């Protein structure tokens, strides 16, 4: 993504939180691919851990407390039988200013 590591990690934390809270977001293709990968690792980690340990690990993946609670409370039970493929990426066109490919990433 061309960002310094701390800025990239902060961006991904905020994207994960937005995806969890809103269910779908619109972003560029590269950011969506990085987000899907990070969200998949996060869900795999949450499925293996008990609730208390998963909440303790949340600040590394998702900085917003409401999103962490939703992940551990609702989404863990929703995706308990699913091993992968938690998100869907759909192309929606190009951004007018710089012709970046825009996509919508949503939870399945």
PDB file of N, CA and C in Angstrom:
ATOM      1  N   UNK A   1       0.815  -1.204   0.000  1.00  0.00           N
ATOM      2  CA  UNK A   1       0.000   0.000   0.000  1.00  0.00           C
ATOM      3  C   UNK A   1       0.850   1.255   0.000  1.00  0.00           C
ATOM      4  N   UNK A   2       2.168   1.141   0.143  1.00  0.00           N
ATOM      5  CA  UNK A   2       3.027   2.300   0.058  1.00  0.00           C
ATOM      6  C   UNK A   2       3.028   3.177   1.289  1.00  0.00           C
ATOM      7  N   UNK A   3       2.690   2.649   2.451  1.00  0.00           N
ATOM      8  CA  UNK A   3       2.655   3.426   3.676  1.00  0.00           C
ATOM      9  C   UNK A   3       3.718   2.918   4.640  1.00  0.00           C
ATOM     10  N   UNK A   4       4.113   3.767   5.578  1.00  0.00           N
ATOM     11  CA  UNK A   4       5.012   3.328   6.640  1.00  0.00           C
ATOM     12  C   UNK A   4       4.290   2.285   7.494  1.00  0.00           C
ATOM     13  N   UNK A   5       5.038   1.377   8.092  1.00  0.00           N
ATOM     14  CA  UNK A   5       4.426   0.264   8.820  1.00  0.00           C
ATOM     15  C   UNK A   5       3.432   0.709   9.904  1.00  0.00           C
ATOM     16  N   UNK A   6       3.774   1.671  10.783  1.00  0.00           N
ATOM     17  CA  UNK A   6       2.787   2.071  11.797  1.00  0.00           C
ATOM     18  C   UNK A   6       1.503   2.643  11.193  1.00  0.00           C
ATOM     19  N   UNK A   7       1.641   3.414  10.119  1.00  0.00           N
ATOM     20  CA  UNK A   7       0.464   3.982   9.470  1.00  0.00           C
ATOM     21  C   UNK A   7      -0.375   2.882   8.815  1.00  0.00           C
ATOM     22  N   UNK A   8       0.271   1.911   8.180  1.00  0.00           N
ATOM     23  CA  UNK A   8      -0.439   0.798   7.547  1.00  0.00           C
ATOM     24  C   UNK A   8      -1.194  -0.032   8.583  1.00  0.00           C
ATOM     25  N   UNK A   9      -0.546  -0.324   9.727  1.00  0.00           N
ATOM     26  CA  UNK A   9      -1.206  -1.104  10.782  1.00  0.00           C
ATOM     27  C   UNK A   9      -2.409  -0.354  11.354  1.00  0.00           C
ATOM     28  N   UNK A  10      -2.267   0.948  11.537  1.00  0.00           N
ATOM     29  CA  UNK A  10      -3.375   1.767  12.026  1.00  0.00           C
ATOM     30  C   UNK A  10      -4.528   1.776  11.030  1.00  0.00           C
ATOM     31  N   UNK A  11      -4.199   1.910   9.751  1.00  0.00           N
ATOM     32  CA  UNK A  11      -5.220   1.896   8.708  1.00  0.00           C
ATOM     33  C   UNK A  11      -5.973   0.569   8.699  1.00  0.00           C
ATOM     34  N   UNK A  12      -5.250  -0.543   8.794  1.00  0.00           N
ATOM     35  CA  UNK A  12      -5.900  -1.850   8.772  1.00  0.00           C
ATOM     36  C   UNK A  12      -6.767  -2.076  10.006  1.00  0.00           C
ATOM     37  N   UNK A  13      -6.321  -1.588  11.177  1.00  0.00           N
ATOM     38  CA  UNK A  13      -7.146  -1.692  12.383  1.00  0.00           C
ATOM     39  C   UNK A  13      -8.468  -0.954  12.198  1.00  0.00           C
ATOM     40  N   UNK A  14      -8.387   0.248  11.639  1.00  0.00           N
ATOM     41  CA  UNK A  14      -9.595   1.042  11.422  1.00  0.00           C
ATOM     42  C   UNK A  14     -10.494   0.427  10.354  1.00  0.00           C
ATOM     43  N   UNK A  15      -9.906  -0.156   9.315  1.00  0.00           N
ATOM     44  CA  UNK A  15     -10.710  -0.824   8.287  1.00  0.00           C
ATOM     45  C   UNK A  15     -11.421  -2.046   8.867  1.00  0.00           C
ATOM     46  N   UNK A  16     -10.729  -2.823   9.696  1.00  0.00           N
ATOM     47  CA  UNK A  16     -11.361  -3.984  10.336  1.00  0.00           C
ATOM     48  C   UNK A  16     -12.528  -3.531  11.208  1.00  0.00           C
ATOM     49  N   UNK A  17     -12.309  -2.484  12.004  1.00  0.00           N
ATOM     50  CA  UNK A  17     -13.375  -1.980  12.874  1.00  0.00           C
ATOM     51  C   UNK A  17     -14.572  -1.504  12.057  1.00  0.00           C
ATOM     52  N   UNK A  18     -14.323  -0.786  10.975  1.00  0.00           N
ATOM     53  CA  UNK A  18     -15.421  -0.300  10.137  1.00  0.00           C
ATOM     54  C   UNK A  18     -16.177  -1.448   9.485  1.00  0.00           C
ATOM     55  N   UNK A  19     -15.447  -2.450   9.019  1.00  0.00           N
ATOM     56  CA  UNK A  19     -16.094  -3.605   8.396  1.00  0.00           C
ATOM     57  C   UNK A  19     -16.971  -4.345   9.397  1.00  0.00           C
ATOM     58  N   UNK A  20     -16.482  -4.516  10.603  1.00  0.00           N
ATOM     59  CA  UNK A  20     -17.253  -5.232  11.627  1.00  0.00           C
ATOM     60  C   UNK A  20     -18.489  -4.437  12.029  1.00  0.00           C
ATOM     61  N   UNK A  21     -18.338  -3.154  12.237  1.00  0.00           N
ATOM     62  CA  UNK A  21     -19.456  -2.340  12.708  1.00  0.00           C
ATOM     63  C   UNK A  21     -20.513  -2.109  11.638  1.00  0.00           C
ATOM     64  N   UNK A  22     -20.101  -1.929  10.388  1.00  0.00           N
ATOM     65  CA  UNK A  22     -21.040  -1.571   9.332  1.00  0.00           C
ATOM     66  C   UNK A  22     -21.436  -2.735   8.425  1.00  0.00           C
ATOM     67  N   UNK A  23     -20.664  -3.811   8.419  1.00  0.00           N
ATOM     68  CA  UNK A  23     -21.003  -4.958   7.589  1.00  0.00           C
ATOM     69  C   UNK A  23     -20.438  -4.891   6.186  1.00  0.00           C
ATOM     70  N   UNK A  24     -20.288  -3.702   5.634  1.00  0.00           N
ATOM     71  CA  UNK A  24     -19.667  -3.545   4.319  1.00  0.00           C
ATOM     72  C   UNK A  24     -19.096  -2.139   4.213  1.00  0.00           C
ATOM     73  N   UNK A  25     -18.012  -2.011   3.457  1.00  0.00           N
ATOM     74  CA  UNK A  25     -17.402  -0.711   3.237  1.00  0.00           C
ATOM     75  C   UNK A  25     -16.918  -0.627   1.798  1.00  0.00           C
ATOM     76  N   UNK A  26     -16.742   0.590   1.314  1.00  0.00           N
ATOM     77  CA  UNK A  26     -16.195   0.826  -0.024  1.00  0.00           C
ATOM     78  C   UNK A  26     -14.784   1.356   0.140  1.00  0.00           C
ATOM     79  N   UNK A  27     -13.851   0.752  -0.586  1.00  0.00           N
ATOM     80  CA  UNK A  27     -12.453   1.149  -0.509  1.00  0.00           C
ATOM     81  C   UNK A  27     -11.755   0.748  -1.800  1.00  0.00           C
ATOM     82  N   UNK A  28     -10.464   0.978  -1.879  1.00  0.00           N
ATOM     83  CA  UNK A  28      -9.720   0.596  -3.076  1.00  0.00           C
ATOM     84  C   UNK A  28      -9.456  -0.903  -3.068  1.00  0.00           C
ATOM     85  N   UNK A  29      -9.118  -1.434  -4.208  1.00  0.00           N
ATOM     86  CA  UNK A  29      -8.933  -2.874  -4.360  1.00  0.00           C
ATOM     87  C   UNK A  29      -7.786  -3.398  -3.502  1.00  0.00           C
ATOM     88  N   UNK A  30      -6.656  -2.701  -3.482  1.00  0.00           N
ATOM     89  CA  UNK A  30      -5.513  -3.163  -2.703  1.00  0.00           C
ATOM     90  C   UNK A  30      -5.802  -3.165  -1.212  1.00  0.00           C
ATOM     91  N   UNK A  31      -6.479  -2.139  -0.740  1.00  0.00           N
ATOM     92  CA  UNK A  31      -6.829  -2.092   0.682  1.00  0.00           C
ATOM     93  C   UNK A  31      -7.822  -3.194   1.033  1.00  0.00           C
ATOM     94  N   UNK A  32      -8.747  -3.472   0.147  1.00  0.00           N
ATOM     95  CA  UNK A  32      -9.737  -4.521   0.396  1.00  0.00           C
ATOM     96  C   UNK A  32      -9.068  -5.896   0.473  1.00  0.00           C
ATOM     97  N   UNK A  33      -8.098  -6.144  -0.386  1.00  0.00           N
ATOM     98  CA  UNK A  33      -7.392  -7.427  -0.356  1.00  0.00           C
ATOM     99  C   UNK A  33      -6.602  -7.588   0.934  1.00  0.00           C
ATOM    100  N   UNK A  34      -5.934  -6.519   1.367  1.00  0.00           N
ATOM    101  CA  UNK A  34      -5.191  -6.570   2.629  1.00  0.00           C
ATOM    102  C   UNK A  34      -6.153  -6.749   3.799  1.00  0.00           C
ATOM    103  N   UNK A  35      -7.292  -6.086   3.736  1.00  0.00           N
ATOM    104  CA  UNK A  35      -8.304  -6.199   4.789  1.00  0.00           C
ATOM    105  C   UNK A  35      -8.886  -7.604   4.859  1.00  0.00           C
ATOM    106  N   UNK A  36      -9.188  -8.202   3.718  1.00  0.00           N
ATOM    107  CA  UNK A  36      -9.747  -9.555   3.698  1.00  0.00           C
ATOM    108  C   UNK A  36      -8.774 -10.549   4.304  1.00  0.00           C
ATOM    109  N   UNK A  37      -7.507 -10.404   4.001  1.00  0.00           N
ATOM    110  CA  UNK A  37      -6.492 -11.289   4.556  1.00  0.00           C
ATOM    111  C   UNK A  37      -6.396 -11.134   6.074  1.00  0.00           C
ATOM    112  N   UNK A  38      -6.351  -9.895   6.538  1.00  0.00           N
ATOM    113  CA  UNK A  38      -6.241  -9.637   7.971  1.00  0.00           C
ATOM    114  C   UNK A  38      -7.497 -10.103   8.711  1.00  0.00           C
ATOM    115  N   UNK A  39      -8.666  -9.871   8.131  1.00  0.00           N
ATOM    116  CA  UNK A  39      -9.914 -10.285   8.777  1.00  0.00           C
ATOM    117  C   UNK A  39      -9.999 -11.810   8.852  1.00  0.00           C
ATOM    118  N   UNK A  40      -9.541 -12.499   7.812  1.00  0.00           N
ATOM    119  CA  UNK A  40      -9.534 -13.958   7.834  1.00  0.00           C
ATOM    120  C   UNK A  40      -8.644 -14.515   8.930  1.00  0.00           C
ATOM    121  N   UNK A  41      -7.463 -13.932   9.087  1.00  0.00           N
ATOM    122  CA  UNK A  41      -6.563 -14.363  10.171  1.00  0.00           C
ATOM    123  C   UNK A  41      -7.174 -14.079  11.526  1.00  0.00           C
ATOM    124  N   UNK A  42      -7.824 -12.919  11.653  1.00  0.00           N
ATOM    125  CA  UNK A  42      -8.454 -12.538  12.912  1.00  0.00           C
ATOM    126  C   UNK A  42      -9.572 -13.505  13.283  1.00  0.00           C
ATOM    127  N   UNK A  43     -10.438 -13.842  12.324  1.00  0.00           N
ATOM    128  CA  UNK A  43     -11.535 -14.764  12.614  1.00  0.00           C
ATOM    129  C   UNK A  43     -11.013 -16.157  12.953  1.00  0.00           C
ATOM    130  N   UNK A  44      -9.974 -16.611  12.289  1.00  0.00           N
ATOM    131  CA  UNK A  44      -9.385 -17.913  12.610  1.00  0.00           C
ATOM    132  C   UNK A  44      -8.828 -17.904  14.029  1.00  0.00           C
ATOM    133  N   UNK A  45      -8.203 -16.817  14.422  1.00  0.00           N
ATOM    134  CA  UNK A  45      -7.654 -16.689  15.761  1.00  0.00           C
ATOM    135  C   UNK A  45      -8.769 -16.681  16.804  1.00  0.00           C
ATOM    136  N   UNK A  46      -9.839 -15.922  16.539  1.00  0.00           N
ATOM    137  CA  UNK A  46     -10.953 -15.829  17.486  1.00  0.00           C
ATOM    138  C   UNK A  46     -11.638 -17.180  17.660  1.00  0.00           C
ATOM    139  N   UNK A  47     -11.760 -17.946  16.581  1.00  0.00           N
ATOM    140  CA  UNK A  47     -12.427 -19.236  16.664  1.00  0.00           C
ATOM    141  C   UNK A  47     -11.645 -20.221  17.526  1.00  0.00           C
ATOM    142  N   UNK A  48     -10.332 -20.087  17.577  1.00  0.00           N
ATOM    143  CA  UNK A  48      -9.501 -21.008  18.356  1.00  0.00           C
ATOM    144  C   UNK A  48      -9.447 -20.649  19.831  1.00  0.00           C
ATOM    145  N   UNK A  49      -9.664 -19.392  20.181  1.00  0.00           N
ATOM    146  CA  UNK A  49      -9.501 -18.910  21.552  1.00  0.00           C
ATOM    147  C   UNK A  49     -10.846 -18.822  22.263  1.00  0.00           C
ATOM    148  N   UNK A  50     -10.789 -18.828  23.606  1.00  0.00           N
ATOM    149  CA  UNK A  50     -12.003 -18.574  24.365  1.00  0.00           C
ATOM    150  C   UNK A  50     -12.236 -17.056  24.389  1.00  0.00           C
ATOM    151  N   UNK A  51     -13.393 -16.631  24.860  1.00  0.00           N
ATOM    152  CA  UNK A  51     -13.809 -15.227  24.735  1.00  0.00           C
ATOM    153  C   UNK A  51     -12.858 -14.275  25.451  1.00  0.00           C
ATOM    154  N   UNK A  52     -12.428 -14.616  26.651  1.00  0.00           N
ATOM    155  CA  UNK A  52     -11.575 -13.708  27.411  1.00  0.00           C
ATOM    156  C   UNK A  52     -10.221 -13.518  26.742  1.00  0.00           C
ATOM    157  N   UNK A  53      -9.643 -14.602  26.275  1.00  0.00           N
ATOM    158  CA  UNK A  53      -8.348 -14.512  25.610  1.00  0.00           C
ATOM    159  C   UNK A  53      -8.459 -13.781  24.269  1.00  0.00           C
ATOM    160  N   UNK A  54      -9.567 -13.979  23.556  1.00  0.00           N
ATOM    161  CA  UNK A  54      -9.775 -13.291  22.281  1.00  0.00           C
ATOM    162  C   UNK A  54      -9.909 -11.792  22.501  1.00  0.00           C
ATOM    163  N   UNK A  55     -10.628 -11.366  23.533  1.00  0.00           N
ATOM    164  CA  UNK A  55     -10.781  -9.945  23.827  1.00  0.00           C
ATOM    165  C   UNK A  55      -9.440  -9.338  24.200  1.00  0.00           C
ATOM    166  N   UNK A  56      -8.602 -10.097  24.884  1.00  0.00           N
ATOM    167  CA  UNK A  56      -7.285  -9.607  25.268  1.00  0.00           C
ATOM    168  C   UNK A  56      -6.399  -9.352  24.040  1.00  0.00           C
ATOM    169  N   UNK A  57      -6.590 -10.130  22.964  1.00  0.00           N
ATOM    170  CA  UNK A  57      -5.793  -9.973  21.753  1.00  0.00           C
ATOM    171  C   UNK A  57      -6.344  -8.909  20.802  1.00  0.00           C
ATOM    172  N   UNK A  58      -7.559  -8.434  21.030  1.00  0.00           N
ATOM    173  CA  UNK A  58      -8.214  -7.509  20.114  1.00  0.00           C
ATOM    174  C   UNK A  58      -7.475  -6.206  19.858  1.00  0.00           C
ATOM    175  N   UNK A  59      -6.832  -5.563  20.839  1.00  0.00           N
ATOM    176  CA  UNK A  59      -6.158  -4.296  20.520  1.00  0.00           C
ATOM    177  C   UNK A  59      -5.112  -4.414  19.416  1.00  0.00           C
ATOM    178  N   UNK A  60      -4.569  -5.596  19.172  1.00  0.00           N
ATOM    179  CA  UNK A  60      -3.607  -5.778  18.093  1.00  0.00           C
ATOM    180  C   UNK A  60      -4.278  -5.788  16.724  1.00  0.00           C
ATOM    181  N   UNK A  61      -5.550  -6.143  16.658  1.00  0.00           N
ATOM    182  CA  UNK A  61      -6.244  -6.293  15.379  1.00  0.00           C
ATOM    183  C   UNK A  61      -7.316  -5.250  15.143  1.00  0.00           C
ATOM    184  N   UNK A  62      -7.916  -4.761  16.202  1.00  0.00           N
ATOM    185  CA  UNK A  62      -9.063  -3.867  16.072  1.00  0.00           C
ATOM    186  C   UNK A  62      -9.057  -2.917  17.257  1.00  0.00           C
ATOM    187  N   UNK A  63      -8.898  -1.621  17.017  1.00  0.00           N
ATOM    188  CA  UNK A  63      -8.726  -0.667  18.095  1.00  0.00           C
ATOM    189  C   UNK A  63     -10.011  -0.215  18.776  1.00  0.00           C
ATOM    190  N   UNK A  64     -11.168  -0.461  18.210  1.00  0.00           N
ATOM    191  CA  UNK A  64     -12.424   0.053  18.760  1.00  0.00           C
ATOM    192  C   UNK A  64     -13.103  -1.034  19.591  1.00  0.00           C
ATOM    193  N   UNK A  65     -13.459  -0.695  20.815  1.00  0.00           N
ATOM    194  CA  UNK A  65     -14.010  -1.681  21.748  1.00  0.00           C
ATOM    195  C   UNK A  65     -15.356  -2.240  21.283  1.00  0.00           C
ATOM    196  N   UNK A  66     -16.210  -1.421  20.709  1.00  0.00           N
ATOM    197  CA  UNK A  66     -17.516  -1.897  20.241  1.00  0.00           C
ATOM    198  C   UNK A  66     -17.356  -2.949  19.146  1.00  0.00           C
ATOM    199  N   UNK A  67     -16.387  -2.751  18.271  1.00  0.00           N
ATOM    200  CA  UNK A  67     -16.130  -3.729  17.219  1.00  0.00           C
ATOM    201  C   UNK A  67     -15.585  -5.023  17.805  1.00  0.00           C
ATOM    202  N   UNK A  68     -14.744  -4.912  18.818  1.00  0.00           N
ATOM    203  CA  UNK A  68     -14.198  -6.111  19.467  1.00  0.00           C
ATOM    204  C   UNK A  68     -15.307  -6.935  20.112  1.00  0.00           C
ATOM    205  N   UNK A  69     -16.224  -6.251  20.772  1.00  0.00           N
ATOM    206  CA  UNK A  69     -17.336  -6.975  21.412  1.00  0.00           C
ATOM    207  C   UNK A  69     -18.232  -7.654  20.374  1.00  0.00           C
ATOM    208  N   UNK A  70     -18.473  -6.972  19.256  1.00  0.00           N
ATOM    209  CA  UNK A  70     -19.298  -7.557  18.207  1.00  0.00           C
ATOM    210  C   UNK A  70     -18.603  -8.759  17.588  1.00  0.00           C
ATOM    211  N   UNK A  71     -17.291  -8.665  17.400  1.00  0.00           N
ATOM    212  CA  UNK A  71     -16.526  -9.789  16.849  1.00  0.00           C
ATOM    213  C   UNK A  71     -16.649 -11.015  17.731  1.00  0.00           C
ATOM    214  N   UNK A  72     -16.391 -10.841  19.017  1.00  0.00           N
ATOM    215  CA  UNK A  72     -16.392 -11.977  19.937  1.00  0.00           C
ATOM    216  C   UNK A  72     -17.804 -12.449  20.233  1.00  0.00           C
ATOM    217  N   UNK A  73     -18.755 -11.523  20.300  1.00  0.00           N
ATOM    218  CA  UNK A  73     -20.119 -11.899  20.637  1.00  0.00           C
ATOM    219  C   UNK A  73     -20.912 -12.479  19.485  1.00  0.00           C
ATOM    220  N   UNK A  74     -21.083 -11.699  18.430  1.00  0.00           N
ATOM    221  CA  UNK A  74     -21.969 -12.098  17.334  1.00  0.00           C
ATOM    222  C   UNK A  74     -21.267 -12.883  16.228  1.00  0.00           C
ATOM    223  N   UNK A  75     -20.163 -12.333  15.750  1.00  0.00           N
ATOM    224  CA  UNK A  75     -19.539 -12.925  14.565  1.00  0.00           C
ATOM    225  C   UNK A  75     -18.861 -14.256  14.839  1.00  0.00           C
ATOM    226  N   UNK A  76     -18.394 -14.460  16.059  1.00  0.00           N
ATOM    227  CA  UNK A  76     -17.774 -15.752  16.389  1.00  0.00           C
ATOM    228  C   UNK A  76     -18.795 -16.877  16.256  1.00  0.00           C
ATOM    229  N   UNK A  77     -20.003 -16.649  16.728  1.00  0.00           N
ATOM    230  CA  UNK A  77     -21.036 -17.686  16.621  1.00  0.00           C
ATOM    231  C   UNK A  77     -21.557 -17.809  15.188  1.00  0.00           C
ATOM    232  N   UNK A  78     -21.612 -16.685  14.465  1.00  0.00           N
ATOM    233  CA  UNK A  78     -22.106 -16.714  13.089  1.00  0.00           C
ATOM    234  C   UNK A  78     -21.190 -17.523  12.171  1.00  0.00           C
ATOM    235  N   UNK A  79     -19.894 -17.415  12.385  1.00  0.00           N
ATOM    236  CA  UNK A  79     -18.917 -18.063  11.511  1.00  0.00           C
ATOM    237  C   UNK A  79     -18.252 -19.284  12.146  1.00  0.00           C
ATOM    238  N   UNK A  80     -18.838 -19.885  13.167  1.00  0.00           N
ATOM    239  CA  UNK A  80     -18.158 -20.975  13.862  1.00  0.00           C
ATOM    240  C   UNK A  80     -17.952 -22.218  12.991  1.00  0.00           C
ATOM    241  N   UNK A  81     -18.784 -22.453  11.995  1.00  0.00           N
ATOM    242  CA  UNK A  81     -18.621 -23.617  11.128  1.00  0.00           C
ATOM    243  C   UNK A  81     -17.819 -23.306   9.866  1.00  0.00           C
ATOM    244  N   UNK A  82     -17.499 -22.061   9.644  1.00  0.00           N
ATOM    245  CA  UNK A  82     -16.784 -21.638   8.432  1.00  0.00           C
ATOM    246  C   UNK A  82     -15.296 -21.567   8.731  1.00  0.00           C
ATOM    247  N   UNK A  83     -14.489 -22.165   7.849  1.00  0.00           N
ATOM    248  CA  UNK A  83     -13.034 -22.155   8.022  1.00  0.00           C
ATOM    249  C   UNK A  83     -12.386 -20.941   7.363  1.00  0.00           C
ATOM    250  N   UNK A  84     -12.936 -20.493   6.236  1.00  0.00           N
ATOM    251  CA  UNK A  84     -12.376 -19.342   5.531  1.00  0.00           C
ATOM    252  C   UNK A  84     -13.469 -18.720   4.676  1.00  0.00           C
ATOM    253  N   UNK A  85     -13.124 -17.670   3.957  1.00  0.00           N
ATOM    254  CA  UNK A  85     -14.102 -17.031   3.085  1.00  0.00           C
ATOM    255  C   UNK A  85     -15.127 -16.233   3.851  1.00  0.00           C
ATOM    256  N   UNK A  86     -14.660 -15.348   4.730  1.00  0.00           N
ATOM    257  CA  UNK A  86     -15.564 -14.563   5.563  1.00  0.00           C
ATOM    258  C   UNK A  86     -16.040 -13.296   4.875  1.00  0.00           C
ATOM    259  N   UNK A  87     -15.345 -12.887   3.804  1.00  0.00           N
ATOM    260  CA  UNK A  87     -15.674 -11.635   3.129  1.00  0.00           C
ATOM    261  C   UNK A  87     -15.904 -11.854   1.639  1.00  0.00           C
ATOM    262  N   UNK A  88     -16.581 -10.904   1.025  1.00  0.00           N
ATOM    263  CA  UNK A  88     -16.816 -10.916  -0.420  1.00  0.00           C
ATOM    264  C   UNK A  88     -16.393  -9.546  -0.965  1.00  0.00           C
ATOM    265  N   UNK A  89     -15.605  -9.562  -2.023  1.00  0.00           N
ATOM    266  CA  UNK A  89     -15.145  -8.329  -2.649  1.00  0.00           C
ATOM    267  C   UNK A  89     -15.821  -8.194  -4.009  1.00  0.00           C
ATOM    268  N   UNK A  90     -16.513  -7.076  -4.221  1.00  0.00           N
ATOM    269  CA  UNK A  90     -17.227  -6.817  -5.462  1.00  0.00           C
ATOM    270  C   UNK A  90     -16.747  -5.499  -6.061  1.00  0.00           C
ATOM    271  N   UNK A  91     -16.392  -5.520  -7.339  1.00  0.00           N
ATOM    272  CA  UNK A  91     -15.937  -4.307  -8.015  1.00  0.00           C
ATOM    273  C   UNK A  91     -17.129  -3.384  -8.268  1.00  0.00           C
ATOM    274  N   UNK A  92     -16.927  -2.078  -8.019  1.00  0.00           N
ATOM    275  CA  UNK A  92     -18.012  -1.120  -8.238  1.00  0.00           C
ATOM    276  C   UNK A  92     -17.613  -0.004  -9.197  1.00  0.00           C
ATOM    277  N   UNK A  93     -16.426  -0.051  -9.770  1.00  0.00           N
ATOM    278  CA  UNK A  93     -16.032   0.957 -10.756  1.00  0.00           C
ATOM    279  C   UNK A  93     -14.711   1.596 -10.410  1.00  0.00           C
ATOM    280  N   UNK A  94     -14.500   2.794 -10.939  1.00  0.00           N
ATOM    281  CA  UNK A  94     -13.259   3.520 -10.688  1.00  0.00           C
ATOM    282  C   UNK A  94     -13.566   4.852 -10.017  1.00  0.00           C
ATOM    283  N   UNK A  95     -12.602   5.327  -9.236  1.00  0.00           N
ATOM    284  CA  UNK A  95     -12.746   6.610  -8.569  1.00  0.00           C
ATOM    285  C   UNK A  95     -12.496   7.710  -9.589  1.00  0.00           C
ATOM    286  N   UNK A  96     -13.284   8.741  -9.555  1.00  0.00           N
ATOM    287  CA  UNK A  96     -13.239   9.788 -10.564  1.00  0.00           C
ATOM    288  C   UNK A  96     -11.918  10.567 -10.534  1.00  0.00           C
ATOM    289  N   UNK A  97     -11.381  10.818  -9.366  1.00  0.00           N
ATOM    290  CA  UNK A  97     -10.197  11.666  -9.268  1.00  0.00           C
ATOM    291  C   UNK A  97      -8.921  11.037  -9.780  1.00  0.00           C
ATOM    292  N   UNK A  98      -8.672   9.772  -9.451  1.00  0.00           N
ATOM    293  CA  UNK A  98      -7.395   9.162  -9.812  1.00  0.00           C
ATOM    294  C   UNK A  98      -7.525   7.816 -10.519  1.00  0.00           C
ATOM    295  N   UNK A  99      -8.717   7.442 -10.917  1.00  0.00           N
ATOM    296  CA  UNK A  99      -8.977   6.179 -11.621  1.00  0.00           C
ATOM    297  C   UNK A  99      -8.558   4.932 -10.837  1.00  0.00           C
ATOM    298  N   UNK A 100      -8.608   4.985  -9.516  1.00  0.00           N
ATOM    299  CA  UNK A 100      -8.359   3.803  -8.694  1.00  0.00           C
ATOM    300  C   UNK A 100      -9.557   2.877  -8.775  1.00  0.00           C
ATOM    301  N   UNK A 101      -9.299   1.576  -8.776  1.00  0.00           N
ATOM    302  CA  UNK A 101     -10.398   0.622  -8.788  1.00  0.00           C
ATOM    303  C   UNK A 101     -11.066   0.597  -7.416  1.00  0.00           C
ATOM    304  N   UNK A 102     -12.345   0.901  -7.385  1.00  0.00           N
ATOM    305  CA  UNK A 102     -13.105   0.867  -6.142  1.00  0.00           C
ATOM    306  C   UNK A 102     -13.845  -0.450  -6.028  1.00  0.00           C
ATOM    307  N   UNK A 103     -13.882  -0.988  -4.806  1.00  0.00           N
ATOM    308  CA  UNK A 103     -14.587  -2.237  -4.543  1.00  0.00           C
ATOM    309  C   UNK A 103     -15.415  -2.070  -3.282  1.00  0.00           C
ATOM    310  N   UNK A 104     -16.362  -2.959  -3.142  1.00  0.00           N
ATOM    311  CA  UNK A 104     -17.132  -3.037  -1.910  1.00  0.00           C
ATOM    312  C   UNK A 104     -16.773  -4.362  -1.264  1.00  0.00           C
ATOM    313  N   UNK A 105     -16.327  -4.302  -0.027  1.00  0.00           N
ATOM    314  CA  UNK A 105     -16.018  -5.519   0.709  1.00  0.00           C
ATOM    315  C   UNK A 105     -17.087  -5.671   1.787  1.00  0.00           C
ATOM    316  N   UNK A 106     -17.652  -6.877   1.886  1.00  0.00           N
ATOM    317  CA  UNK A 106     -18.738  -7.110   2.823  1.00  0.00           C
ATOM    318  C   UNK A 106     -18.581  -8.455   3.497  1.00  0.00           C
ATOM    319  N   UNK A 107     -19.172  -8.564   4.665  1.00  0.00           N
ATOM    320  CA  UNK A 107     -19.180  -9.829   5.377  1.00  0.00           C
ATOM    321  C   UNK A 107     -20.211 -10.748   4.750  1.00  0.00           C
ATOM    322  N   UNK A 108     -19.887 -12.007   4.628  1.00  0.00           N
ATOM    323  CA  UNK A 108     -20.811 -12.977   4.035  1.00  0.00           C
ATOM    324  C   UNK A 108     -21.776 -13.453   5.106  1.00  0.00           C
TER     325      UNK A 108
END
